[in-house]
Amino acid sequence: MSHIQITIPSLYYDLNKSLAAIEQDPSRVESSRAIVDRALKDGNIYYGINTGFGALATQRVSDEELTRLQRNLILSHAVGVGDLVPKEISRLMLQLKVHALGIGYSGISLQTLERLLFFLENDLIPAVPSKGSVGASGDLAPLAHMSLPLLGLGQFWNNEGSDVVDASEIMRAHNLDPIELKPKDGLSLINGTQLMSAYGAYVLEKALHLFKLADIAAAMSLEALQGSIGPFDERIQEIRPHEGQKNVAENVRYLLQESEILESHRECGKVQDPYCLRCVPQVHGASRDAVNHAVSVVETEMNSVTDNPLVFQDGGILSGGNFHGQPLALAMDYAKIALAEIASIAERRTYLLLEGHDGLPKLLMQETGINSGFMIPQYTSAALVSENKVLCHPSSVDSIPTSLGQEDHVSMGSISALNLLKVYENVEMVLAIELFTAAQALDFRKPLKPGNGVEIAHQFIRKTIPHAVEDHYFKDDINKAIQLIRNREIITKVQTSGYRLN
């Protein structure tokens, strides 16, 4: 099978092409497997193929025990705990594992790989506990749980992704028997960085869209607060030409085209806006650039072979460290910090909207006292921003030796991955709160119209979340705004006149 490049924005499509290619031409997998089979007859010792694992690497295993060795490897490593990895991410883990095995440097047996493909084709997604990996020899415990159904053990997600079912029950329904793992199979299955990669790809693909939404929310707040478009001038960005900064400024200029609000206060005499408005290009842009770096790391990892030992077409079987999660751990720590900053500046804009600036009512309601107005949603934003500060402690600076010191430096990349998703979800909620808060503020600027892009976003939000004249159940507004973010319709709506948000 030829190497197939995967890019995050079209992740699932390209992965499906990759998996189809494996089915159509398994020759590279078969060739790699033949090298393993020949090695088993040459009398030499090969790590994990005819030896124990980790600290037991020096213990030779007899030929009669090689299949039992691989089964025991899966069973002994399936010690994950905690909440289950979401079904969508578990599916991505499985897709990435199959893709990596199909590149042809793992020596896995075709029978085992075909069973994994059958799982994917029939949406049989293993249930995987989220905790237990230190990101050393990859994601050993999570990948062991992913592999248990091959043995008729473990659990699958149900069709809805709401509950789990014993794998034995599902396999009986599909007339499947457990398979017998061949030498090297178990090690190929559990060595690898697919948990970390799956979380990284899942979050970063969403982050690329969330950045566009953040620019829309910032433009709405800027208009509502009668901020200046001056800091977004192209000349300013050209003499500090970070790509993200330039793209954000261009987006905001587009969103504010033909703004009546801007014209109404052009000669107001106000010199400068607070940083949460004035420095949107610099802050949003820096986060974009950081995440783009993380995207490049994850894309490289998704197209890599990360198990051990590796089987080369020249007959070489080499032990190395491609399973080590350090590249992902550092990139995801960087990405979660970058995402957290988007929430941090958004919360400051939300706070500013409540202060009663330039004719806006305090707390964005006319009758306060009996009404708390939009005071308390900002509390939620503040809490989420604070939580992100804890989650953003870099997991990659930690290391605890495992495997009796054989694995004496580990990446903790799985912890980076789990916290990256938590940070992303918090940022999503903070931006949701800014969206409906800014929409409320813009109502008080009528009959003046904001910029064309802002007006489209405002009207679209108002179709779902009405103007608030008194206190009500704001949690409904939060949920509705989050859904608007997740379905990405706001972005689609504002991309008119052929302009596509950067």
Protein backbone atom coordinates (compact mmCIF):
# COMPACT_ATOMS: atom_id res chain seq x y z
CA MET A 1 0.00 0.00 0.00
CA SER A 2 1.37 3.41 -0.89
CA HIS A 3 1.70 6.09 1.76
CA ILE A 4 -1.45 8.23 1.91
CA GLN A 5 -1.30 11.73 3.36
CA ILE A 6 -4.00 12.55 5.91
CA THR A 7 -4.91 16.16 6.59
CA ILE A 8 -6.97 17.12 9.59
CA PRO A 9 -9.64 19.26 7.88
CA SER A 10 -10.65 16.27 5.73
CA LEU A 11 -9.64 13.66 8.24
CA TYR A 12 -12.41 11.11 7.97
CA TYR A 13 -12.56 11.22 4.17
CA ASP A 14 -8.82 10.66 3.77
CA LEU A 15 -8.78 7.93 6.40
CA ASN A 16 -11.53 6.10 4.55
CA LYS A 17 -9.44 6.27 1.37
CA SER A 18 -6.51 4.86 3.30
CA LEU A 19 -8.52 1.98 4.72
CA ALA A 20 -9.95 1.17 1.29
CA ALA A 21 -6.42 1.06 -0.11
CA ILE A 22 -5.42 -1.51 2.51
CA GLU A 23 -8.28 -3.76 1.48
CA GLN A 24 -7.55 -3.40 -2.22
CA ASP A 25 -3.82 -4.04 -1.93
CA PRO A 26 -2.65 -5.82 1.22
CA SER A 27 0.67 -6.82 -0.36
CA ARG A 28 2.81 -4.58 1.84
CA VAL A 29 1.19 -5.99 4.97
CA GLU A 30 1.72 -9.53 3.73
CA SER A 31 5.34 -8.82 2.79
CA SER A 32 6.04 -7.39 6.23
CA ARG A 33 4.41 -10.40 7.87
CA ALA A 34 6.51 -12.81 5.81
CA ILE A 35 9.67 -11.19 7.20
CA VAL A 36 8.44 -11.85 10.75
CA ASP A 37 7.64 -15.47 9.90
CA ARG A 38 11.13 -15.99 8.47
CA ALA A 39 12.73 -14.37 11.51
CA LEU A 40 11.00 -16.83 13.81
CA LYS A 41 12.95 -19.62 12.10
CA ASP A 42 16.44 -18.09 12.07
CA GLY A 43 17.25 -18.78 15.72
CA ASN A 44 17.82 -15.13 16.67
CA ILE A 45 16.13 -13.18 19.45
CA TYR A 46 13.70 -10.42 18.50
CA TYR A 47 12.16 -8.17 21.11
CA GLY A 48 8.47 -8.84 21.72
CA ILE A 49 8.32 -11.50 19.04
CA ASN A 50 10.08 -14.26 20.96
CA THR A 51 10.96 -12.41 24.19
CA GLY A 52 9.06 -10.88 27.06
CA PHE A 53 8.17 -7.19 27.15
CA GLY A 54 9.55 -4.10 28.84
CA ALA A 55 11.68 -5.12 31.80
CA LEU A 56 11.29 -8.76 30.66
CA ALA A 57 12.89 -8.13 27.28
CA THR A 58 15.83 -10.43 28.04
CA GLN A 59 13.64 -13.47 28.72
CA ARG A 60 13.39 -15.80 25.72
CA VAL A 61 10.00 -17.39 25.10
CA SER A 62 9.76 -20.86 23.59
CA ASP A 63 8.20 -21.33 20.17
CA GLU A 64 5.33 -23.26 21.74
CA GLU A 65 4.34 -20.28 23.89
CA LEU A 66 4.48 -17.49 21.29
CA THR A 67 0.72 -17.21 20.67
CA ARG A 68 0.03 -17.36 24.39
CA LEU A 69 2.61 -14.58 24.84
CA GLN A 70 0.64 -12.27 22.55
CA ARG A 71 -2.70 -13.05 24.23
CA ASN A 72 -1.18 -12.47 27.67
CA LEU A 73 0.21 -9.16 26.46
CA ILE A 74 -3.28 -7.86 25.64
CA LEU A 75 -4.78 -9.17 28.87
CA SER A 76 -2.03 -7.87 31.14
CA HIS A 77 -2.07 -4.40 29.63
CA ALA A 78 -5.86 -3.91 29.65
CA VAL A 79 -5.82 -2.13 33.01
CA GLY A 80 -7.37 1.21 32.00
CA VAL A 81 -9.64 3.07 34.40
CA GLY A 82 -11.84 6.16 34.44
CA ASP A 83 -14.50 7.43 32.08
CA LEU A 84 -14.72 5.86 28.66
CA VAL A 85 -13.18 7.60 25.67
CA PRO A 86 -16.09 9.06 23.64
CA LYS A 87 -17.23 6.71 20.91
CA GLU A 88 -16.26 9.10 18.12
CA ILE A 89 -12.69 9.32 19.41
CA SER A 90 -12.53 5.55 19.95
CA ARG A 91 -13.54 5.08 16.32
CA LEU A 92 -10.80 7.45 15.28
CA MET A 93 -8.30 5.51 17.43
CA LEU A 94 -9.25 2.33 15.60
CA GLN A 95 -9.07 4.01 12.19
CA LEU A 96 -5.63 5.41 12.95
CA LYS A 97 -4.37 2.07 14.24
CA VAL A 98 -5.53 0.27 11.09
CA HIS A 99 -4.02 3.00 8.92
CA ALA A 100 -0.66 2.74 10.70
CA LEU A 101 -0.59 -1.05 10.52
CA GLY A 102 -1.50 -0.91 6.83
CA ILE A 103 1.54 1.21 5.97
CA GLY A 104 3.44 -2.06 6.22
CA TYR A 105 6.19 -1.76 8.82
CA SER A 106 4.52 -3.62 11.68
CA GLY A 107 4.54 -7.27 10.66
CA ILE A 108 0.98 -7.85 11.78
CA SER A 109 -0.88 -10.85 10.38
CA LEU A 110 -3.44 -10.11 7.70
CA GLN A 111 -6.10 -12.08 9.59
CA THR A 112 -5.82 -9.74 12.58
CA LEU A 113 -5.83 -6.61 10.44
CA GLU A 114 -8.87 -7.81 8.48
CA ARG A 115 -10.79 -8.36 11.71
CA LEU A 116 -10.08 -4.76 12.73
CA LEU A 117 -11.31 -3.62 9.32
CA PHE A 118 -14.47 -5.67 9.85
CA PHE A 119 -15.04 -3.87 13.14
CA LEU A 120 -14.76 -0.50 11.39
CA GLU A 121 -16.99 -1.43 8.47
CA ASN A 122 -19.73 -2.60 10.85
CA ASP A 123 -19.37 0.27 13.33
CA LEU A 124 -18.19 -2.12 16.04
CA ILE A 125 -16.24 0.35 18.13
CA PRO A 126 -14.45 -0.95 21.23
CA ALA A 127 -15.12 0.81 24.54
CA VAL A 128 -11.84 2.16 25.92
CA PRO A 129 -11.18 3.56 29.43
CA SER A 130 -9.54 6.95 29.15
CA LYS A 131 -6.89 6.68 31.88
CA GLY A 132 -3.91 4.41 32.26
CA SER A 133 -1.45 5.55 29.59
CA VAL A 134 1.74 7.43 30.42
CA GLY A 135 2.52 7.97 26.74
CA ALA A 136 5.74 5.95 26.95
CA SER A 137 5.51 2.88 24.70
CA GLY A 138 2.61 4.73 23.20
CA ASP A 139 -0.85 4.22 24.66
CA LEU A 140 -0.47 0.67 25.94
CA ALA A 141 -3.50 0.32 28.21
CA PRO A 142 -6.04 2.10 25.95
CA LEU A 143 -4.89 0.17 22.89
CA ALA A 144 -5.05 -3.11 24.83
CA HIS A 145 -8.70 -2.37 25.62
CA MET A 146 -9.26 -1.52 21.97
CA SER A 147 -7.83 -4.95 21.08
CA LEU A 148 -9.74 -7.06 23.63
CA PRO A 149 -12.72 -7.74 21.31
CA LEU A 150 -10.35 -9.58 18.97
CA LEU A 151 -10.16 -12.14 21.76
CA GLY A 152 -13.91 -12.08 22.38
CA LEU A 153 -13.37 -9.97 25.50
CA GLY A 154 -14.01 -6.37 26.48
CA GLN A 155 -16.91 -4.27 25.30
CA PHE A 156 -18.26 -2.46 22.24
CA TRP A 157 -20.27 0.74 22.14
CA ASN A 158 -23.92 0.34 21.17
CA ASN A 159 -25.16 1.99 17.98
CA GLU A 160 -26.21 5.21 19.72
CA GLY A 161 -22.93 5.56 21.62
CA SER A 162 -24.92 5.80 24.85
CA ASP A 163 -24.00 2.47 26.45
CA VAL A 164 -21.70 -0.52 26.09
CA VAL A 165 -22.35 -4.18 25.28
CA ASP A 166 -20.16 -7.20 26.02
CA ALA A 167 -18.01 -7.98 23.01
CA SER A 168 -18.88 -11.68 23.22
CA GLU A 169 -22.57 -10.86 22.70
CA ILE A 170 -21.88 -8.68 19.66
CA MET A 171 -19.52 -11.23 18.13
CA ARG A 172 -22.09 -13.99 18.45
CA ALA A 173 -24.60 -11.77 16.67
CA HIS A 174 -22.10 -11.40 13.78
CA ASN A 175 -21.08 -15.10 13.81
CA LEU A 176 -17.51 -14.19 14.73
CA ASP A 177 -15.12 -16.39 16.68
CA PRO A 178 -12.25 -14.94 18.69
CA ILE A 179 -9.01 -14.98 16.74
CA GLU A 180 -5.67 -16.43 17.80
CA LEU A 181 -3.02 -13.73 17.74
CA LYS A 182 0.14 -14.66 15.90
CA PRO A 183 3.65 -13.73 17.08
CA LYS A 184 4.15 -9.93 16.97
CA ASP A 185 0.38 -9.24 16.57
CA GLY A 186 -0.29 -8.20 20.15
CA LEU A 187 2.74 -5.94 20.29
CA SER A 188 1.80 -4.28 17.00
CA LEU A 189 -1.67 -3.62 18.37
CA ILE A 190 -0.75 -1.98 21.66
CA ASN A 191 2.46 -0.12 20.79
CA GLY A 192 1.51 3.18 19.20
CA THR A 193 0.25 6.70 19.84
CA GLN A 194 -3.29 6.31 18.54
CA LEU A 195 -5.12 7.51 21.70
CA MET A 196 -3.06 10.71 21.78
CA SER A 197 -3.31 11.19 18.03
CA ALA A 198 -7.06 10.62 18.02
CA TYR A 199 -7.69 13.18 20.74
CA GLY A 200 -5.36 15.65 19.06
CA ALA A 201 -6.97 15.28 15.64
CA TYR A 202 -10.50 15.37 17.07
CA VAL A 203 -9.93 18.60 19.02
CA LEU A 204 -7.73 20.42 16.54
CA GLU A 205 -10.12 19.88 13.64
CA LYS A 206 -12.80 21.55 15.76
CA ALA A 207 -10.43 24.29 16.92
CA LEU A 208 -9.79 25.40 13.34
CA HIS A 209 -13.49 26.21 13.06
CA LEU A 210 -13.76 27.63 16.58
CA PHE A 211 -11.18 30.28 15.75
CA LYS A 212 -13.45 31.64 13.02
CA LEU A 213 -16.31 31.72 15.50
CA ALA A 214 -14.11 33.56 17.99
CA ASP A 215 -13.47 36.27 15.40
CA ILE A 216 -17.22 36.60 14.81
CA ALA A 217 -17.89 36.90 18.55
CA ALA A 218 -15.13 39.48 18.94
CA ALA A 219 -16.51 41.54 16.04
CA MET A 220 -19.99 41.45 17.60
CA SER A 221 -18.61 42.66 20.93
CA LEU A 222 -16.52 45.33 19.24
CA GLU A 223 -19.60 46.73 17.48
CA ALA A 224 -21.75 46.55 20.60
CA LEU A 225 -19.09 48.41 22.60
CA GLN A 226 -18.53 50.99 19.84
CA GLY A 227 -14.91 49.97 19.54
CA SER A 228 -12.50 51.21 16.90
CA ILE A 229 -11.66 49.41 13.69
CA GLY A 230 -8.33 51.25 13.61
CA PRO A 231 -6.28 48.47 15.30
CA PHE A 232 -7.38 46.11 12.53
CA ASP A 233 -5.90 48.29 9.78
CA GLU A 234 -3.91 46.23 7.30
CA ARG A 235 -0.88 48.53 7.63
CA ILE A 236 -0.50 47.63 11.31
CA GLN A 237 -0.46 43.92 10.59
CA GLU A 238 1.99 44.20 7.69
CA ILE A 239 4.80 45.48 9.92
CA ARG A 240 4.33 42.58 12.37
CA PRO A 241 3.38 39.96 9.81
CA HIS A 242 2.49 36.92 11.88
CA GLU A 243 0.13 34.91 9.69
CA GLY A 244 -2.53 34.41 12.36
CA GLN A 245 -2.59 38.10 13.26
CA LYS A 246 -3.00 39.13 9.62
CA ASN A 247 -5.82 36.62 9.08
CA VAL A 248 -7.77 37.68 12.18
CA ALA A 249 -7.54 41.37 11.32
CA GLU A 250 -8.74 40.64 7.79
CA ASN A 251 -11.69 38.64 9.14
CA VAL A 252 -12.79 41.47 11.43
CA ARG A 253 -12.46 44.07 8.69
CA TYR A 254 -14.70 41.91 6.52
CA LEU A 255 -17.26 41.39 9.30
CA LEU A 256 -17.48 45.15 9.92
CA GLN A 257 -17.98 46.25 6.32
CA GLU A 258 -20.70 48.93 5.85
CA SER A 259 -21.20 49.32 9.61
CA GLU A 260 -23.48 52.19 10.60
CA ILE A 261 -22.38 51.81 14.21
CA LEU A 262 -18.75 52.48 13.27
CA GLU A 263 -19.73 55.58 11.36
CA SER A 264 -21.84 56.89 14.24
CA HIS A 265 -18.87 57.20 16.61
CA ARG A 266 -16.00 57.77 14.20
CA GLU A 267 -15.37 61.28 15.61
CA CYS A 268 -16.12 60.46 19.26
CA GLY A 269 -12.63 61.39 20.49
CA LYS A 270 -11.97 58.11 22.27
CA VAL A 271 -8.27 57.35 21.85
CA GLN A 272 -7.89 53.64 22.58
CA ASP A 273 -9.98 50.58 23.42
CA PRO A 274 -9.12 48.04 26.14
CA TYR A 275 -6.82 45.24 25.05
CA CYS A 276 -9.61 42.66 24.83
CA LEU A 277 -10.89 44.65 21.82
CA ARG A 278 -7.77 46.36 20.50
CA CYS A 279 -5.49 43.30 20.61
CA VAL A 280 -7.84 40.73 19.11
CA PRO A 281 -5.57 40.21 16.06
CA GLN A 282 -2.52 39.68 18.24
CA VAL A 283 -4.15 37.34 20.78
CA HIS A 284 -6.45 35.37 18.49
CA GLY A 285 -3.69 35.28 15.89
CA ALA A 286 -1.05 33.91 18.26
CA SER A 287 -3.41 31.13 19.29
CA ARG A 288 -4.11 30.29 15.65
CA ASP A 289 -0.38 30.06 14.90
CA ALA A 290 0.21 27.82 17.92
CA VAL A 291 -2.61 25.48 16.96
CA ASN A 292 -1.43 25.38 13.35
CA HIS A 293 1.91 24.14 14.65
CA ALA A 294 0.11 21.46 16.68
CA VAL A 295 -1.86 20.49 13.56
CA SER A 296 1.36 19.90 11.63
CA VAL A 297 2.69 17.68 14.44
CA VAL A 298 -0.50 15.63 14.65
CA GLU A 299 -0.71 15.25 10.86
CA THR A 300 2.84 13.93 10.81
CA GLU A 301 2.07 11.53 13.64
CA MET A 302 -1.09 10.25 11.96
CA ASN A 303 0.98 9.33 8.91
CA SER A 304 3.72 7.65 10.95
CA VAL A 305 4.47 4.13 12.12
CA THR A 306 4.71 4.22 15.89
CA ASP A 307 4.91 0.64 17.09
CA ASN A 308 7.97 -1.43 18.00
CA PRO A 309 9.92 -3.32 16.79
CA LEU A 310 9.67 -2.17 13.19
CA VAL A 311 9.85 -4.51 10.20
CA PHE A 312 11.65 -3.19 7.11
CA GLN A 313 11.40 -4.48 3.57
CA ASP A 314 15.16 -5.22 3.52
CA GLY A 315 14.50 -7.84 6.18
CA GLY A 316 15.63 -5.77 9.12
CA ILE A 317 13.67 -5.94 12.39
CA LEU A 318 14.73 -2.97 14.49
CA SER A 319 13.78 -1.82 17.97
CA GLY A 320 13.48 1.92 18.43
CA GLY A 321 11.41 4.56 20.16
CA ASN A 322 8.84 5.74 17.62
CA PHE A 323 6.12 4.98 20.17
CA HIS A 324 7.31 7.74 22.52
CA GLY A 325 4.63 10.39 22.80
CA GLN A 326 6.87 13.42 23.37
CA PRO A 327 6.12 15.19 20.06
CA LEU A 328 2.38 14.95 20.72
CA ALA A 329 2.64 15.76 24.41
CA LEU A 330 4.46 19.03 23.75
CA ALA A 331 2.20 19.99 20.84
CA MET A 332 -1.01 19.32 22.77
CA ASP A 333 0.22 21.20 25.81
CA TYR A 334 0.95 24.14 23.50
CA ALA A 335 -2.47 23.78 21.84
CA LYS A 336 -4.43 23.72 25.10
CA ILE A 337 -2.65 26.90 26.27
CA ALA A 338 -3.45 28.54 22.94
CA LEU A 339 -7.13 27.56 23.18
CA ALA A 340 -7.38 28.71 26.78
CA GLU A 341 -6.25 32.19 25.75
CA ILE A 342 -9.20 32.46 23.37
CA ALA A 343 -11.55 31.90 26.33
CA SER A 344 -9.56 34.25 28.55
CA ILE A 345 -9.90 37.25 26.21
CA ALA A 346 -13.52 36.37 25.35
CA GLU A 347 -14.48 36.44 29.03
CA ARG A 348 -12.96 39.94 29.32
CA ARG A 349 -15.09 41.13 26.41
CA THR A 350 -18.17 39.60 28.02
CA TYR A 351 -17.40 41.40 31.27
CA LEU A 352 -16.93 44.69 29.41
CA LEU A 353 -20.35 44.33 27.78
CA LEU A 354 -21.98 44.38 31.23
CA GLU A 355 -20.37 47.56 32.54
CA GLY A 356 -22.75 50.01 30.89
CA HIS A 357 -20.35 51.61 28.43
CA ASP A 358 -21.46 54.20 25.88
CA GLY A 359 -25.19 53.97 26.41
CA LEU A 360 -25.55 50.25 27.09
CA PRO A 361 -27.63 49.48 30.21
CA LYS A 362 -25.67 47.92 33.03
CA LEU A 363 -25.94 44.14 32.99
CA LEU A 364 -27.73 44.56 29.63
CA MET A 365 -31.24 44.90 31.09
CA GLN A 366 -33.38 47.97 31.69
CA GLU A 367 -34.85 46.86 35.00
CA THR A 368 -32.05 45.65 37.24
CA GLY A 369 -32.39 45.05 40.93
CA ILE A 370 -35.37 42.82 40.49
CA ASN A 371 -33.40 41.33 37.57
CA SER A 372 -29.74 40.29 37.73
CA GLY A 373 -29.50 40.56 33.96
CA PHE A 374 -26.48 39.01 32.31
CA MET A 375 -24.39 39.14 35.47
CA ILE A 376 -24.36 35.43 36.24
CA PRO A 377 -23.51 33.92 32.84
CA GLN A 378 -20.27 35.88 33.15
CA TYR A 379 -19.64 34.04 36.45
CA THR A 380 -19.76 30.80 34.50
CA SER A 381 -17.27 32.16 31.99
CA ALA A 382 -14.96 33.22 34.80
CA ALA A 383 -15.15 29.77 36.40
CA LEU A 384 -14.34 28.04 33.11
CA VAL A 385 -11.42 30.35 32.39
CA SER A 386 -10.06 29.66 35.86
CA GLU A 387 -10.44 25.91 35.42
CA ASN A 388 -8.51 26.12 32.17
CA LYS A 389 -5.57 27.64 34.01
CA VAL A 390 -5.32 24.46 36.06
CA LEU A 391 -5.83 22.16 33.06
CA CYS A 392 -3.12 24.01 31.12
CA HIS A 393 -0.34 22.95 33.46
CA PRO A 394 1.93 21.19 30.96
CA SER A 395 1.64 17.43 31.42
CA SER A 396 4.77 16.95 29.32
CA VAL A 397 7.05 18.34 32.05
CA ASP A 398 6.27 15.32 34.22
CA SER A 399 7.77 11.85 34.03
CA ILE A 400 7.45 8.81 36.31
CA PRO A 401 9.62 5.77 35.48
CA THR A 402 7.73 2.55 34.70
CA SER A 403 8.55 -1.03 33.72
CA LEU A 404 11.17 -1.39 36.47
CA GLY A 405 13.10 1.55 35.04
CA GLN A 406 13.21 0.29 31.45
CA GLU A 407 10.80 3.09 30.55
CA ASP A 408 12.64 5.69 32.60
CA HIS A 409 11.35 8.76 30.77
CA VAL A 410 7.72 8.98 29.72
CA SER A 411 5.77 11.74 27.97
CA MET A 412 2.44 11.84 29.84
CA GLY A 413 0.99 12.76 26.45
CA SER A 414 -2.28 10.99 27.18
CA ILE A 415 -2.90 13.43 30.02
CA SER A 416 -2.16 16.32 27.66
CA ALA A 417 -4.69 14.79 25.27
CA LEU A 418 -7.49 14.34 27.81
CA ASN A 419 -7.00 17.86 29.17
CA LEU A 420 -6.91 19.31 25.65
CA LEU A 421 -10.46 18.10 25.11
CA LYS A 422 -11.59 19.52 28.47
CA VAL A 423 -10.03 22.89 27.68
CA TYR A 424 -11.65 22.93 24.24
CA GLU A 425 -15.10 22.22 25.70
CA ASN A 426 -14.63 25.04 28.22
CA VAL A 427 -13.60 27.47 25.47
CA GLU A 428 -16.66 26.49 23.46
CA MET A 429 -18.92 27.37 26.41
CA VAL A 430 -17.18 30.69 27.08
CA LEU A 431 -17.62 31.72 23.43
CA ALA A 432 -21.25 30.62 23.53
CA ILE A 433 -21.83 32.98 26.45
CA GLU A 434 -20.09 35.83 24.63
CA LEU A 435 -22.24 35.23 21.56
CA PHE A 436 -25.62 35.65 23.23
CA THR A 437 -24.33 38.42 25.51
CA ALA A 438 -23.02 40.40 22.53
CA ALA A 439 -26.29 39.77 20.69
CA GLN A 440 -28.19 41.28 23.65
CA ALA A 441 -25.91 44.32 23.63
CA LEU A 442 -26.30 44.83 19.89
CA ASP A 443 -30.08 45.04 20.34
CA PHE A 444 -29.55 48.30 22.23
CA ARG A 445 -27.68 49.83 19.27
CA LYS A 446 -30.74 49.70 17.03
CA PRO A 447 -31.76 51.25 14.69
CA LEU A 448 -28.08 51.54 13.77
CA LYS A 449 -26.88 48.46 11.90
CA PRO A 450 -23.55 46.76 12.58
CA GLY A 451 -21.27 45.52 9.83
CA ASN A 452 -22.72 43.14 7.30
CA GLY A 453 -21.10 40.01 8.75
CA VAL A 454 -21.98 40.97 12.32
CA GLU A 455 -25.56 41.70 11.30
CA ILE A 456 -25.92 38.26 9.70
CA ALA A 457 -24.56 36.56 12.81
CA HIS A 458 -26.78 38.66 15.07
CA GLN A 459 -29.93 37.87 13.13
CA PHE A 460 -29.06 34.18 13.01
CA ILE A 461 -28.60 34.04 16.78
CA ARG A 462 -31.88 35.85 17.30
CA LYS A 463 -33.74 33.13 15.41
CA THR A 464 -32.79 30.76 18.23
CA ILE A 465 -32.17 32.94 21.28
CA PRO A 466 -34.58 35.87 21.75
CA HIS A 467 -33.79 39.22 23.36
CA ALA A 468 -34.09 38.98 27.15
CA VAL A 469 -36.26 41.57 28.89
CA GLU A 470 -36.15 39.85 32.30
CA ASP A 471 -34.34 37.07 34.11
CA HIS A 472 -35.01 33.61 32.79
CA TYR A 473 -33.39 30.20 32.58
CA PHE A 474 -30.08 31.24 30.99
CA LYS A 475 -28.88 27.65 30.84
CA ASP A 476 -31.19 27.19 27.85
CA ASP A 477 -29.46 30.09 26.11
CA ILE A 478 -26.05 28.58 26.82
CA ASN A 479 -27.10 25.22 25.41
CA LYS A 480 -28.62 26.80 22.30
CA ALA A 481 -25.53 28.91 21.69
CA ILE A 482 -23.25 25.89 22.08
CA GLN A 483 -25.33 24.06 19.50
CA LEU A 484 -25.02 27.02 17.12
CA ILE A 485 -21.26 26.76 17.49
CA ARG A 486 -21.16 23.00 16.97
CA ASN A 487 -23.26 22.93 13.83
CA ARG A 488 -21.06 25.68 12.33
CA GLU A 489 -23.99 27.39 10.66
CA ILE A 490 -23.02 30.87 11.85
CA ILE A 491 -19.73 30.61 9.98
CA THR A 492 -21.52 29.43 6.85
CA LYS A 493 -24.05 32.27 7.04
CA VAL A 494 -21.54 35.09 7.36
CA GLN A 495 -19.35 33.89 4.49
CA THR A 496 -21.21 35.88 1.87
CA SER A 497 -20.04 37.73 -1.25
CA GLY A 498 -17.46 35.05 -1.97
CA TYR A 499 -15.36 35.87 1.10
CA ARG A 500 -14.36 32.89 3.23
CA LEU A 501 -13.25 33.50 6.77
CA ASN A 502 -9.60 32.70 7.29
